[in-house]
Amino acid sequence: QVQLVESGGGLVQAGGSLRLSCAASGSIASYNTMAWYRQAPGKQRELVAAITSGRNTNYANSVKGRFGISRDNAKNTVYLQMNSLKPEDTAVYYCNLYQTNRVYWGQGTQVTVSS
């Protein structure tokens, strides 16, 4: 059983910053990929950023240069540093863990960026 618990969402003005955290617990494999997805109202869930256990990263074009994903393997925790936030970044952000051909999701944390 794997559980993902997100924290760090909230309300911020445009141009501001937020840092999201996601702690994984349970049966965590040595090799996995952790990621952040987001879903805005009326839109499909989309990948924001991903990082492998070897720290290879991948970003959506819309957040490149503004967001940074990192992880602490000892703590099974992934972080998303979000800078220069825009109103269009407003969404529920979900933590995702992929390992041994299974996918796990967190419950999501709301990020609201006001203009």
Protein backbone atom coordinates (compact mmCIF):
# COMPACT_ATOMS: atom_id res chain seq x y z
CA GLN A 1 0.00 0.00 0.00
CA VAL A 2 1.28 3.44 -0.94
CA GLN A 3 0.02 6.75 0.34
CA LEU A 4 0.84 10.21 -0.99
CA VAL A 5 0.22 13.29 1.12
CA GLU A 6 0.53 16.73 -0.47
CA SER A 7 0.98 20.05 1.29
CA GLY A 8 1.86 23.63 0.48
CA GLY A 9 -0.98 24.84 -1.68
CA GLY A 10 -2.76 28.12 -1.12
CA LEU A 11 -3.62 31.54 -2.45
CA VAL A 12 -0.91 33.75 -3.89
CA GLN A 13 -0.77 36.88 -6.01
CA ALA A 14 0.52 36.77 -9.55
CA GLY A 15 4.30 36.88 -9.59
CA GLY A 16 4.53 35.15 -6.24
CA SER A 17 5.92 31.77 -5.25
CA LEU A 18 4.72 28.59 -3.60
CA ARG A 19 6.41 25.33 -2.70
CA LEU A 20 4.48 22.09 -2.80
CA SER A 21 5.58 18.95 -0.99
CA CYS A 22 4.46 15.36 -1.37
CA ALA A 23 5.50 12.65 1.05
CA ALA A 24 5.15 9.02 0.00
CA SER A 25 4.78 6.24 2.53
CA GLY A 26 4.32 2.50 2.37
CA SER A 27 6.01 0.14 -0.05
CA ILE A 28 8.23 2.50 -2.02
CA ALA A 29 10.45 0.95 -4.66
CA SER A 30 14.05 2.03 -5.14
CA TYR A 31 13.35 2.94 -8.75
CA ASN A 32 10.35 5.13 -9.40
CA THR A 33 9.17 8.34 -10.94
CA MET A 34 7.44 11.03 -8.94
CA ALA A 35 5.53 13.79 -10.64
CA TRP A 36 3.15 16.68 -10.25
CA TYR A 37 0.04 16.99 -12.36
CA ARG A 38 -2.59 19.70 -12.30
CA GLN A 39 -6.20 20.03 -13.27
CA ALA A 40 -7.94 23.33 -13.79
CA PRO A 41 -11.74 23.60 -13.81
CA GLY A 42 -13.16 22.27 -17.05
CA LYS A 43 -9.78 21.04 -18.27
CA GLN A 44 -8.03 17.71 -18.44
CA ARG A 45 -5.36 16.75 -15.94
CA GLU A 46 -1.93 17.58 -17.32
CA LEU A 47 1.65 16.78 -16.41
CA VAL A 48 3.51 19.68 -14.82
CA ALA A 49 6.85 18.09 -13.98
CA ALA A 50 8.37 14.70 -13.28
CA ILE A 51 11.55 13.41 -11.70
CA THR A 52 13.01 9.92 -11.64
CA SER A 53 14.82 8.35 -8.72
CA GLY A 54 17.99 9.14 -10.68
CA ARG A 55 16.88 12.79 -10.74
CA ASN A 56 16.21 13.07 -14.45
CA THR A 57 13.53 15.73 -14.90
CA ASN A 58 10.86 16.64 -17.40
CA TYR A 59 8.71 19.79 -17.51
CA ALA A 60 5.66 21.01 -19.32
CA ASN A 61 6.57 23.82 -21.71
CA SER A 62 4.22 26.16 -19.88
CA VAL A 63 6.25 25.98 -16.64
CA LYS A 64 9.82 25.70 -17.91
CA GLY A 65 12.02 28.32 -16.33
CA ARG A 66 9.48 29.06 -13.61
CA PHE A 67 8.97 25.76 -11.77
CA GLY A 68 11.55 23.39 -10.32
CA ILE A 69 11.00 19.80 -9.25
CA SER A 70 13.29 18.06 -6.78
CA ARG A 71 13.22 15.07 -4.48
CA ASP A 72 14.69 13.69 -1.31
CA ASN A 73 15.01 9.95 -1.81
CA ALA A 74 15.78 9.31 1.85
CA LYS A 75 12.45 10.90 2.78
CA ASN A 76 10.51 9.66 -0.26
CA THR A 77 9.43 13.24 -0.76
CA VAL A 78 9.06 15.28 -3.92
CA TYR A 79 8.91 19.06 -4.07
CA LEU A 80 7.65 21.56 -6.61
CA GLN A 81 9.01 25.07 -6.32
CA MET A 82 6.74 27.40 -8.25
CA ASN A 83 7.98 30.88 -9.04
CA SER A 84 6.58 33.74 -11.12
CA LEU A 85 3.12 32.28 -10.74
CA LYS A 86 0.43 33.29 -13.19
CA PRO A 87 -3.37 33.19 -12.91
CA GLU A 88 -3.36 30.37 -15.47
CA ASP A 89 -1.41 28.23 -12.99
CA THR A 90 -4.55 28.07 -10.86
CA ALA A 91 -5.52 24.42 -10.47
CA VAL A 92 -5.62 21.46 -8.15
CA TYR A 93 -2.13 19.99 -8.08
CA TYR A 94 -1.79 16.23 -7.69
CA CYS A 95 1.22 14.23 -6.65
CA ASN A 96 1.87 11.07 -8.67
CA LEU A 97 4.09 8.07 -8.08
CA TYR A 98 4.86 5.48 -10.75
CA GLN A 99 6.62 2.27 -9.75
CA THR A 100 6.51 -1.41 -10.68
CA ASN A 101 3.91 -0.69 -13.37
CA ARG A 102 1.48 0.86 -10.91
CA VAL A 103 0.37 4.45 -10.52
CA TYR A 104 -0.58 6.15 -7.28
CA TRP A 105 -2.19 9.54 -6.73
CA GLY A 106 -2.44 11.98 -3.89
CA GLN A 107 -5.67 13.74 -3.00
CA GLY A 108 -4.57 17.05 -4.46
CA THR A 109 -3.87 20.52 -3.15
CA GLN A 110 -5.44 23.72 -4.43
CA VAL A 111 -3.26 26.46 -5.85
CA THR A 112 -4.98 29.75 -6.62
CA VAL A 113 -3.15 32.64 -8.25
CA SER A 114 -4.92 35.98 -8.18
CA SER A 115 -4.31 38.67 -10.75
